[in-house]
Amino acid sequence: MFRRSLPRLLQLNSRTLPPNSPPTRNTLVVLHGLLGSSQNFLSPTKAILKELGPEWSAVLLDIRGHGTSPPGSPCTILDAASDVHSTLTSLSISPTAVIGHSLGGKIALQYLSISPSPPLKTW
């Protein structure tokens, strides 16, 4: 019988906006799409934070094998969502909202289903 080994959880590269900011009451997590990186969403995230106000901060993650995050195998949506959960837990972040673009959207929805304290909003 085929047995799937447990995924090796990865610590993902993260960027915080505003840079080096202390934790805020509301945190937005941003996940990019296939072949992208957190760099792709710096400008849009800055614009979103400007609209949301100073009580919000953002964490942009590079999913496994993208940007400056390490590659990992296997690489399923569940593995990627588990990486997101593990990384946010290690950063002591419980997001208020998650935004995912394309593949990042699939990962965001999977994260929503495995998170013990899911975010209030997922886009």
Foldseek 3Di string as FASTA:
>chain_A
DDDDDDWDAFQWDKAKPVGPDDQAPAEEEEEEAPQAFLVVCPVVVVVVDVVVDDRYMYMYTGFAPHDPTHHTPPDDLLSRLVNVVVNCVVVVHQHQEYEYDHSGLSSLVSVQVPDPRHHPYYD
